[in-house]
Amino acid sequence: MASAKARKIQELREARGLSVDELSHRMGVGPETVRGWEAGDGDIDEGSLTQLADTLGVSQDELRHEEDARLHG
């Protein structure tokens, strides 16, 4: 089961009408990297998290603390 952060990344990407390929191209990473993030395989390094937040138009905190909000909300 994907983590809350992984689900949030997918939800945000889809809400912006981006395919995995489009998001990966904008970020300069391979599509397999984006698929891994959305599957919850491993964690995202800080540089990629910053770029992902900028690309999706959200704050890093929104991506970073989504899981905390769902667990404690």
Protein backbone atom coordinates (compact mmCIF):
# COMPACT_ATOMS: atom_id res chain seq x y z
CA MET A 1 0.00 0.00 0.00
CA ALA A 2 1.36 3.41 -0.97
CA SER A 3 2.07 5.97 1.71
CA ALA A 4 0.01 9.11 2.12
CA LYS A 5 2.85 11.10 0.56
CA ALA A 6 2.93 8.77 -2.45
CA ARG A 7 -0.84 9.07 -2.93
CA LYS A 8 -0.62 12.86 -2.57
CA ILE A 9 2.02 13.08 -5.30
CA GLN A 10 -0.16 11.08 -7.66
CA GLU A 11 -3.29 13.09 -6.79
CA LEU A 12 -1.50 16.39 -7.39
CA ARG A 13 0.01 15.21 -10.68
CA GLU A 14 -3.35 13.99 -11.95
CA ALA A 15 -5.17 17.14 -10.77
CA ARG A 16 -2.77 19.17 -12.90
CA GLY A 17 -3.43 16.98 -15.92
CA LEU A 18 0.14 15.69 -16.08
CA SER A 19 1.12 12.20 -17.12
CA VAL A 20 3.99 10.43 -15.40
CA ASP A 21 6.06 11.09 -18.52
CA GLU A 22 5.22 14.81 -18.55
CA LEU A 23 6.09 15.26 -14.88
CA SER A 24 9.32 13.32 -15.22
CA HIS A 25 10.31 15.38 -18.28
CA ARG A 26 9.64 18.66 -16.45
CA MET A 27 11.75 17.49 -13.53
CA GLY A 28 14.54 15.97 -15.60
CA VAL A 29 14.16 12.50 -14.07
CA GLY A 30 13.11 9.20 -15.59
CA PRO A 31 9.48 8.11 -15.53
CA GLU A 32 10.50 5.15 -13.38
CA THR A 33 11.57 7.63 -10.70
CA VAL A 34 8.14 9.29 -10.62
CA ARG A 35 6.43 5.89 -10.62
CA GLY A 36 8.61 4.88 -7.67
CA TRP A 37 7.62 7.99 -5.72
CA GLU A 38 3.95 7.31 -6.42
CA ALA A 39 4.34 3.68 -5.38
CA GLY A 40 6.06 4.69 -2.15
CA ASP A 41 9.30 2.94 -3.12
CA GLY A 42 11.94 4.73 -1.08
CA ASP A 43 12.00 8.34 -0.02
CA ILE A 44 12.47 11.50 -2.06
CA ASP A 45 15.71 13.41 -1.47
CA GLU A 46 15.40 17.05 -0.43
CA GLY A 47 16.45 18.45 -3.81
CA SER A 48 13.86 16.40 -5.65
CA LEU A 49 11.20 17.24 -3.06
CA THR A 50 11.88 20.97 -3.58
CA GLN A 51 11.69 20.61 -7.36
CA LEU A 52 8.57 18.43 -7.16
CA ALA A 53 6.79 20.94 -4.95
CA ASP A 54 7.71 23.78 -7.33
CA THR A 55 6.63 21.78 -10.38
CA LEU A 56 3.28 20.87 -8.82
CA GLY A 57 2.72 24.37 -7.38
CA VAL A 58 2.52 23.35 -3.73
CA SER A 59 4.66 23.93 -0.67
CA GLN A 60 7.26 21.42 0.41
CA ASP A 61 5.45 21.26 3.74
CA GLU A 62 2.27 20.16 1.99
CA LEU A 63 4.15 17.20 0.50
CA ARG A 64 6.28 16.52 3.57
CA HIS A 65 3.54 16.67 6.19
CA GLU A 66 0.65 15.09 4.33
CA GLU A 67 1.23 11.76 6.05
CA ASP A 68 1.37 13.41 9.49
CA ALA A 69 -1.94 15.20 8.85
CA ARG A 70 -3.70 11.97 7.88
CA LEU A 71 -2.29 10.00 10.79
CA HIS A 72 -2.99 12.60 13.44
CA GLY A 73 -5.91 14.50 11.88
